[in-house]
């Protein structure tokens, strides 16, 4: 039974990082919303520990573990890693930006504020915040924002 429970947790986490909506996870796995949060938090802790362990022993997988940690924290696919590094941009807004053709922070540098604000889920305040972050190189999670990634 513990094996099936662990397998269910692994499948849930895979669905989470593949951007399955929260409500769909709750329904699919017949769990409470708080359970999703707890499982994600536990996975974050384990990945953080794995990243530090990999750093300590100079394993080449440090970057991969770090990317997976960010994906688990944000519940997003790898293609959104650059965008979710912006403060105030989670998986939903990052996906909206990505669908509009803005795949990296560099892609956002040239877009007019008005165009950015018209994207569903962005609006004027978030668009201004994005532009401010790009211009000032604001940090999030002790990581300097980068113009492109992969």
N, C-alpha and C. Protein backbone atom coordinates (compact mmCIF):
# COMPACT_ATOMS: atom_id res chain seq x y z
N UNK A 1 0.82 -1.20 0.00
CA UNK A 1 0.00 0.00 0.00
C UNK A 1 0.86 1.27 0.00
N UNK A 2 1.98 1.25 0.75
CA UNK A 2 2.85 2.43 0.77
C UNK A 2 3.42 2.71 -0.62
N UNK A 3 3.68 1.63 -1.39
CA UNK A 3 4.20 1.79 -2.75
C UNK A 3 3.20 2.55 -3.62
N UNK A 4 1.94 2.17 -3.52
CA UNK A 4 0.91 2.84 -4.32
C UNK A 4 0.74 4.29 -3.90
N UNK A 5 0.87 4.55 -2.61
CA UNK A 5 0.79 5.92 -2.11
C UNK A 5 1.94 6.76 -2.67
N UNK A 6 3.15 6.20 -2.66
CA UNK A 6 4.31 6.91 -3.20
C UNK A 6 4.17 7.12 -4.70
N UNK A 7 3.64 6.14 -5.39
CA UNK A 7 3.43 6.24 -6.83
C UNK A 7 2.41 7.34 -7.14
N UNK A 8 1.35 7.39 -6.35
CA UNK A 8 0.32 8.42 -6.51
C UNK A 8 0.94 9.80 -6.31
N UNK A 9 1.81 9.93 -5.30
CA UNK A 9 2.49 11.20 -5.04
C UNK A 9 3.37 11.59 -6.22
N UNK A 10 4.10 10.63 -6.76
CA UNK A 10 4.97 10.90 -7.91
C UNK A 10 4.15 11.36 -9.12
N UNK A 11 3.03 10.68 -9.37
CA UNK A 11 2.18 11.07 -10.50
C UNK A 11 1.58 12.46 -10.28
N UNK A 12 1.19 12.75 -9.06
CA UNK A 12 0.65 14.07 -8.75
C UNK A 12 1.69 15.15 -9.02
N UNK A 13 2.93 14.92 -8.57
CA UNK A 13 3.99 15.91 -8.79
C UNK A 13 4.29 16.08 -10.28
N UNK A 14 4.25 14.99 -11.01
CA UNK A 14 4.47 15.09 -12.46
C UNK A 14 3.36 15.92 -13.11
N UNK A 15 2.12 15.67 -12.71
CA UNK A 15 1.01 16.47 -13.24
C UNK A 15 1.17 17.94 -12.84
N UNK A 16 1.60 18.18 -11.61
CA UNK A 16 1.78 19.54 -11.11
C UNK A 16 2.80 20.30 -11.97
N UNK A 17 3.95 19.71 -12.25
CA UNK A 17 4.97 20.42 -13.04
C UNK A 17 4.64 20.43 -14.53
N UNK A 18 3.59 19.73 -14.91
CA UNK A 18 3.10 19.80 -16.28
C UNK A 18 1.86 20.69 -16.38
N UNK A 19 1.68 21.52 -15.35
CA UNK A 19 0.68 22.60 -15.32
C UNK A 19 -0.77 22.13 -15.27
N UNK A 20 -1.00 20.96 -14.69
CA UNK A 20 -2.38 20.53 -14.47
C UNK A 20 -3.01 21.48 -13.45
N UNK A 21 -4.20 22.00 -13.72
CA UNK A 21 -4.84 22.92 -12.78
C UNK A 21 -5.04 22.28 -11.40
N UNK A 22 -4.95 23.11 -10.39
CA UNK A 22 -5.06 22.70 -8.99
C UNK A 22 -6.33 21.88 -8.74
N UNK A 23 -7.45 22.41 -9.19
CA UNK A 23 -8.73 21.72 -8.98
C UNK A 23 -8.75 20.35 -9.64
N UNK A 24 -8.12 20.25 -10.80
CA UNK A 24 -8.07 18.96 -11.50
C UNK A 24 -7.24 17.95 -10.71
N UNK A 25 -6.17 18.42 -10.07
CA UNK A 25 -5.35 17.53 -9.24
C UNK A 25 -6.15 17.00 -8.06
N UNK A 26 -6.87 17.90 -7.41
CA UNK A 26 -7.68 17.52 -6.26
C UNK A 26 -8.71 16.47 -6.66
N UNK A 27 -9.34 16.68 -7.79
CA UNK A 27 -10.36 15.74 -8.26
C UNK A 27 -9.75 14.42 -8.73
N UNK A 28 -8.70 14.50 -9.53
CA UNK A 28 -8.09 13.30 -10.11
C UNK A 28 -7.53 12.37 -9.04
N UNK A 29 -6.90 12.95 -8.02
CA UNK A 29 -6.25 12.13 -6.99
C UNK A 29 -7.09 11.98 -5.73
N UNK A 30 -8.31 12.54 -5.75
CA UNK A 30 -9.23 12.41 -4.63
C UNK A 30 -8.57 12.81 -3.30
N UNK A 31 -8.01 14.02 -3.31
CA UNK A 31 -7.33 14.54 -2.13
C UNK A 31 -7.86 15.94 -1.82
N UNK A 32 -7.50 16.45 -0.67
CA UNK A 32 -7.89 17.80 -0.26
C UNK A 32 -6.90 18.81 -0.83
N UNK A 33 -7.33 20.05 -1.05
CA UNK A 33 -6.42 21.07 -1.57
C UNK A 33 -5.15 21.24 -0.72
N UNK A 34 -5.30 21.14 0.58
CA UNK A 34 -4.14 21.25 1.46
C UNK A 34 -3.13 20.14 1.25
N UNK A 35 -3.61 18.98 0.80
CA UNK A 35 -2.71 17.86 0.52
C UNK A 35 -1.77 18.18 -0.64
N UNK A 36 -2.31 18.82 -1.66
CA UNK A 36 -1.47 19.21 -2.81
C UNK A 36 -0.37 20.13 -2.31
N UNK A 37 -0.75 21.12 -1.53
CA UNK A 37 0.21 22.08 -1.00
C UNK A 37 1.28 21.37 -0.17
N UNK A 38 0.88 20.46 0.69
CA UNK A 38 1.82 19.74 1.54
C UNK A 38 2.78 18.89 0.71
N UNK A 39 2.27 18.20 -0.28
CA UNK A 39 3.11 17.35 -1.14
C UNK A 39 4.11 18.21 -1.91
N UNK A 40 3.65 19.32 -2.45
CA UNK A 40 4.55 20.22 -3.19
C UNK A 40 5.62 20.78 -2.25
N UNK A 41 5.22 21.20 -1.06
CA UNK A 41 6.18 21.72 -0.08
C UNK A 41 7.24 20.68 0.29
N UNK A 42 6.81 19.45 0.49
CA UNK A 42 7.74 18.38 0.83
C UNK A 42 8.72 18.12 -0.32
N UNK A 43 8.21 18.12 -1.54
CA UNK A 43 9.07 17.92 -2.71
C UNK A 43 10.07 19.07 -2.85
N UNK A 44 9.63 20.29 -2.57
CA UNK A 44 10.53 21.45 -2.60
C UNK A 44 11.67 21.25 -1.60
N UNK A 45 11.34 20.84 -0.40
CA UNK A 45 12.34 20.64 0.65
C UNK A 45 13.35 19.58 0.22
N UNK A 46 12.86 18.46 -0.31
CA UNK A 46 13.75 17.37 -0.75
C UNK A 46 14.64 17.81 -1.91
N UNK A 47 14.08 18.55 -2.85
CA UNK A 47 14.88 19.03 -3.98
C UNK A 47 15.90 20.06 -3.55
N UNK A 48 15.52 20.91 -2.61
CA UNK A 48 16.48 21.88 -2.07
C UNK A 48 17.66 21.14 -1.43
N UNK A 49 17.35 20.12 -0.63
CA UNK A 49 18.40 19.33 0.01
C UNK A 49 19.27 18.63 -1.04
N UNK A 50 18.64 18.08 -2.07
CA UNK A 50 19.39 17.41 -3.14
C UNK A 50 20.30 18.39 -3.87
N UNK A 51 19.80 19.60 -4.11
CA UNK A 51 20.62 20.62 -4.78
C UNK A 51 21.83 20.98 -3.94
N UNK A 52 21.61 21.16 -2.64
CA UNK A 52 22.73 21.51 -1.76
C UNK A 52 23.73 20.37 -1.67
N UNK A 53 23.25 19.16 -1.62
CA UNK A 53 24.11 17.98 -1.60
C UNK A 53 24.93 17.92 -2.89
N UNK A 54 24.28 18.14 -4.03
CA UNK A 54 24.97 18.12 -5.32
C UNK A 54 26.02 19.22 -5.39
N UNK A 55 25.71 20.39 -4.85
CA UNK A 55 26.68 21.50 -4.80
C UNK A 55 27.89 21.13 -3.95
N UNK A 56 27.60 20.55 -2.78
CA UNK A 56 28.64 20.21 -1.83
C UNK A 56 29.64 19.22 -2.43
N UNK A 57 29.15 18.31 -3.23
CA UNK A 57 30.02 17.28 -3.80
C UNK A 57 30.33 17.52 -5.28
N UNK A 58 30.07 18.74 -5.74
CA UNK A 58 30.38 19.16 -7.11
C UNK A 58 29.81 18.23 -8.18
N UNK A 59 28.59 17.78 -7.98
CA UNK A 59 27.94 16.96 -8.99
C UNK A 59 27.50 17.86 -10.15
N UNK A 60 27.53 17.33 -11.33
CA UNK A 60 27.16 18.12 -12.51
C UNK A 60 25.66 18.38 -12.60
N UNK A 61 24.88 17.72 -11.80
CA UNK A 61 23.42 17.84 -11.88
C UNK A 61 22.84 19.00 -11.06
N UNK A 62 23.70 19.85 -10.50
CA UNK A 62 23.21 20.95 -9.66
C UNK A 62 22.19 21.80 -10.42
N UNK A 63 22.51 22.16 -11.64
CA UNK A 63 21.62 23.01 -12.43
C UNK A 63 20.29 22.31 -12.73
N UNK A 64 20.35 21.03 -13.07
CA UNK A 64 19.13 20.28 -13.35
C UNK A 64 18.23 20.18 -12.13
N UNK A 65 18.82 19.93 -10.98
CA UNK A 65 18.05 19.83 -9.73
C UNK A 65 17.47 21.20 -9.40
N UNK A 66 18.26 22.25 -9.61
CA UNK A 66 17.77 23.61 -9.37
C UNK A 66 16.60 23.96 -10.26
N UNK A 67 16.68 23.58 -11.53
CA UNK A 67 15.57 23.83 -12.45
C UNK A 67 14.32 23.06 -12.04
N UNK A 68 14.50 21.82 -11.63
CA UNK A 68 13.36 21.01 -11.19
C UNK A 68 12.74 21.62 -9.93
N UNK A 69 13.57 22.14 -9.04
CA UNK A 69 13.07 22.80 -7.83
C UNK A 69 12.18 23.99 -8.21
N UNK A 70 12.64 24.80 -9.15
CA UNK A 70 11.85 25.96 -9.58
C UNK A 70 10.55 25.50 -10.24
N UNK A 71 10.61 24.43 -11.01
CA UNK A 71 9.40 23.90 -11.64
C UNK A 71 8.40 23.42 -10.59
N UNK A 72 8.88 22.75 -9.56
CA UNK A 72 7.99 22.28 -8.49
C UNK A 72 7.43 23.47 -7.72
N UNK A 73 8.27 24.46 -7.43
CA UNK A 73 7.79 25.64 -6.70
C UNK A 73 6.68 26.36 -7.46
N UNK A 74 6.79 26.39 -8.78
CA UNK A 74 5.85 27.14 -9.60
C UNK A 74 4.81 26.29 -10.32
N UNK A 75 4.98 24.98 -10.30
CA UNK A 75 4.05 24.10 -11.00
C UNK A 75 4.03 24.35 -12.49
N UNK A 76 5.22 24.47 -13.08
CA UNK A 76 5.29 24.83 -14.50
C UNK A 76 6.23 23.94 -15.30
N UNK A 77 6.04 23.97 -16.60
CA UNK A 77 6.91 23.26 -17.51
C UNK A 77 8.24 24.01 -17.63
N UNK A 78 9.24 23.31 -18.12
CA UNK A 78 10.59 23.87 -18.24
C UNK A 78 10.61 25.14 -19.10
N UNK A 79 9.77 25.20 -20.10
CA UNK A 79 9.77 26.34 -21.01
C UNK A 79 9.38 27.66 -20.33
N UNK A 80 8.81 27.59 -19.14
CA UNK A 80 8.40 28.81 -18.43
C UNK A 80 9.40 29.26 -17.36
N UNK A 81 10.49 28.53 -17.19
CA UNK A 81 11.44 28.84 -16.11
C UNK A 81 11.91 30.29 -16.14
N UNK A 82 12.23 30.80 -17.31
CA UNK A 82 12.72 32.17 -17.40
C UNK A 82 11.65 33.17 -16.96
N UNK A 83 10.43 32.97 -17.41
CA UNK A 83 9.36 33.92 -17.10
C UNK A 83 8.95 33.89 -15.63
N UNK A 84 8.92 32.72 -15.01
CA UNK A 84 8.50 32.66 -13.60
C UNK A 84 9.57 33.22 -12.67
N UNK A 85 10.74 33.56 -13.20
CA UNK A 85 11.75 34.20 -12.35
C UNK A 85 11.40 35.65 -12.07
N UNK A 86 10.41 36.19 -12.78
CA UNK A 86 9.94 37.54 -12.52
C UNK A 86 8.99 37.54 -11.31
N UNK A 87 9.17 38.50 -10.44
CA UNK A 87 8.30 38.63 -9.27
C UNK A 87 6.87 38.93 -9.74
N UNK A 88 5.92 38.21 -9.18
CA UNK A 88 4.52 38.43 -9.53
C UNK A 88 4.05 37.63 -10.74
N UNK A 89 4.96 36.85 -11.31
CA UNK A 89 4.61 36.03 -12.46
C UNK A 89 4.69 34.56 -12.06
N UNK A 90 3.52 33.95 -11.93
CA UNK A 90 3.45 32.53 -11.63
C UNK A 90 3.17 31.77 -12.91
N UNK A 91 2.74 30.54 -12.75
CA UNK A 91 2.58 29.70 -13.93
C UNK A 91 1.46 30.16 -14.86
N UNK A 92 0.39 30.72 -14.33
CA UNK A 92 -0.73 31.14 -15.17
C UNK A 92 -0.35 32.36 -16.01
N UNK A 93 0.22 33.37 -15.38
CA UNK A 93 0.64 34.56 -16.13
C UNK A 93 1.79 34.23 -17.08
N UNK A 94 2.72 33.40 -16.63
CA UNK A 94 3.83 33.01 -17.50
C UNK A 94 3.31 32.29 -18.73
N UNK A 95 2.33 31.42 -18.56
CA UNK A 95 1.75 30.70 -19.70
C UNK A 95 1.05 31.67 -20.64
N UNK A 96 0.35 32.66 -20.08
CA UNK A 96 -0.32 33.67 -20.92
C UNK A 96 0.70 34.44 -21.75
N UNK A 97 1.80 34.83 -21.12
CA UNK A 97 2.87 35.54 -21.84
C UNK A 97 3.46 34.65 -22.93
N UNK A 98 3.71 33.41 -22.59
CA UNK A 98 4.31 32.45 -23.52
C UNK A 98 3.40 32.25 -24.74
N UNK A 99 2.12 32.13 -24.50
CA UNK A 99 1.16 31.94 -25.60
C UNK A 99 1.14 33.14 -26.55
N UNK A 100 1.44 34.31 -26.00
CA UNK A 100 1.47 35.53 -26.81
C UNK A 100 2.82 35.71 -27.52
N UNK A 101 3.72 34.75 -27.34
CA UNK A 101 5.00 34.81 -28.04
C UNK A 101 6.17 35.32 -27.22
N UNK A 102 5.93 35.64 -25.96
CA UNK A 102 6.99 36.14 -25.08
C UNK A 102 7.54 34.97 -24.29
N UNK A 103 8.62 34.39 -24.78
CA UNK A 103 9.15 33.16 -24.20
C UNK A 103 10.29 33.39 -23.22
N UNK A 104 10.91 34.56 -23.27
CA UNK A 104 12.00 34.88 -22.35
C UNK A 104 11.85 36.31 -21.86
N UNK A 105 12.64 36.66 -20.88
CA UNK A 105 12.63 38.04 -20.38
C UNK A 105 13.08 38.99 -21.48
N UNK A 106 14.05 38.59 -22.29
CA UNK A 106 14.48 39.43 -23.41
C UNK A 106 13.34 39.75 -24.36
N UNK A 107 12.45 38.80 -24.57
CA UNK A 107 11.30 39.04 -25.45
C UNK A 107 10.40 40.14 -24.91
N UNK A 108 10.41 40.33 -23.60
CA UNK A 108 9.55 41.34 -22.97
C UNK A 108 10.15 42.74 -23.00
N UNK A 109 11.43 42.83 -23.29
CA UNK A 109 12.11 44.14 -23.28
C UNK A 109 11.58 45.09 -24.34
N UNK A 110 11.21 44.59 -25.50
CA UNK A 110 10.83 45.46 -26.61
C UNK A 110 9.33 45.70 -26.74
N UNK A 111 8.54 44.94 -26.03
CA UNK A 111 7.08 45.07 -26.16
C UNK A 111 6.61 46.34 -25.45
N UNK A 112 5.73 47.11 -26.10
CA UNK A 112 5.18 48.30 -25.45
C UNK A 112 4.33 47.91 -24.23
N UNK A 113 4.34 48.75 -23.23
CA UNK A 113 3.59 48.53 -22.00
C UNK A 113 2.11 48.26 -22.29
N UNK A 114 1.55 49.03 -23.20
CA UNK A 114 0.12 48.90 -23.53
C UNK A 114 -0.20 47.51 -24.08
N UNK A 115 0.67 47.01 -24.93
CA UNK A 115 0.48 45.66 -25.52
C UNK A 115 0.56 44.59 -24.44
N UNK A 116 1.53 44.75 -23.55
CA UNK A 116 1.73 43.81 -22.45
C UNK A 116 0.51 43.80 -21.53
N UNK A 117 -0.02 44.98 -21.25
CA UNK A 117 -1.16 45.12 -20.34
C UNK A 117 -2.43 44.47 -20.88
N UNK A 118 -2.53 44.32 -22.19
CA UNK A 118 -3.73 43.73 -22.81
C UNK A 118 -3.76 42.21 -22.74
N UNK A 119 -2.66 41.60 -22.36
CA UNK A 119 -2.62 40.14 -22.28
C UNK A 119 -3.46 39.69 -21.09
N UNK A 120 -4.29 38.67 -21.31
CA UNK A 120 -5.18 38.17 -20.27
C UNK A 120 -4.38 37.80 -19.01
N UNK A 121 -4.80 38.36 -17.88
CA UNK A 121 -4.16 38.07 -16.61
C UNK A 121 -3.00 38.99 -16.25
N UNK A 122 -2.64 39.88 -17.17
CA UNK A 122 -1.50 40.77 -16.90
C UNK A 122 -2.01 42.12 -16.40
N UNK A 123 -2.63 42.91 -17.22
CA UNK A 123 -3.14 44.21 -16.80
C UNK A 123 -2.04 45.25 -16.65
N UNK A 124 -2.44 46.48 -16.41
CA UNK A 124 -1.51 47.60 -16.36
C UNK A 124 -0.53 47.50 -15.20
N UNK A 125 -1.01 47.21 -14.01
CA UNK A 125 -0.12 47.17 -12.83
C UNK A 125 0.96 46.09 -12.97
N UNK A 126 0.57 44.91 -13.41
CA UNK A 126 1.54 43.82 -13.57
C UNK A 126 2.50 44.14 -14.71
N UNK A 127 1.98 44.72 -15.80
CA UNK A 127 2.83 45.10 -16.94
C UNK A 127 3.89 46.11 -16.50
N UNK A 128 3.48 47.10 -15.70
CA UNK A 128 4.44 48.09 -15.18
C UNK A 128 5.47 47.41 -14.30
N UNK A 129 5.01 46.49 -13.47
CA UNK A 129 5.91 45.75 -12.58
C UNK A 129 6.94 44.96 -13.38
N UNK A 130 6.49 44.31 -14.44
CA UNK A 130 7.41 43.54 -15.30
C UNK A 130 8.45 44.47 -15.91
N UNK A 131 7.99 45.57 -16.48
CA UNK A 131 8.91 46.53 -17.12
C UNK A 131 9.91 47.08 -16.11
N UNK A 132 9.44 47.36 -14.90
CA UNK A 132 10.33 47.88 -13.86
C UNK A 132 11.38 46.83 -13.50
N UNK A 133 10.97 45.60 -13.34
CA UNK A 133 11.92 44.53 -13.00
C UNK A 133 12.97 44.34 -14.09
N UNK A 134 12.55 44.37 -15.31
CA UNK A 134 13.48 44.16 -16.42
C UNK A 134 14.49 45.30 -16.47
N UNK A 135 14.01 46.50 -16.22
CA UNK A 135 14.89 47.67 -16.27
C UNK A 135 15.85 47.76 -15.11
N UNK A 136 15.43 47.30 -13.94
CA UNK A 136 16.24 47.46 -12.73
C UNK A 136 16.94 46.19 -12.29
N UNK A 137 16.70 45.09 -12.98
CA UNK A 137 17.38 43.84 -12.60
C UNK A 137 17.06 43.39 -11.19
N UNK A 138 15.79 43.50 -10.81
CA UNK A 138 15.35 43.09 -9.48
C UNK A 138 15.64 41.61 -9.27
N UNK A 139 15.96 41.24 -8.05
CA UNK A 139 16.28 39.85 -7.75
C UNK A 139 15.04 39.13 -7.21
N UNK A 140 14.97 37.85 -7.49
CA UNK A 140 13.93 37.00 -6.91
C UNK A 140 14.58 35.71 -6.46
N UNK A 141 14.39 35.36 -5.22
CA UNK A 141 14.92 34.10 -4.71
C UNK A 141 16.43 34.01 -4.81
N UNK A 142 17.12 35.11 -4.55
CA UNK A 142 18.59 35.15 -4.59
C UNK A 142 19.16 34.83 -5.97
N UNK A 143 18.36 35.02 -7.01
CA UNK A 143 18.86 34.77 -8.36
C UNK A 143 18.66 36.03 -9.18
N UNK A 144 19.72 36.50 -9.80
CA UNK A 144 19.59 37.65 -10.69
C UNK A 144 18.77 37.24 -11.91
N UNK A 145 17.85 38.08 -12.30
CA UNK A 145 17.06 37.78 -13.49
C UNK A 145 17.97 37.76 -14.70
N UNK A 146 17.76 36.79 -15.56
CA UNK A 146 18.58 36.65 -16.76
C UNK A 146 17.72 36.91 -17.98
N UNK A 147 18.36 37.43 -19.01
CA UNK A 147 17.65 37.76 -20.24
C UNK A 147 17.20 36.55 -21.02
N UNK A 148 17.95 35.50 -20.97
CA UNK A 148 17.53 34.30 -21.69
C UNK A 148 17.99 33.08 -20.92
N UNK A 149 17.31 32.01 -21.17
CA UNK A 149 17.63 30.76 -20.49
C UNK A 149 17.36 29.63 -21.46
N UNK A 150 18.38 28.87 -21.72
CA UNK A 150 18.33 27.71 -22.63
C UNK A 150 18.01 28.12 -24.00
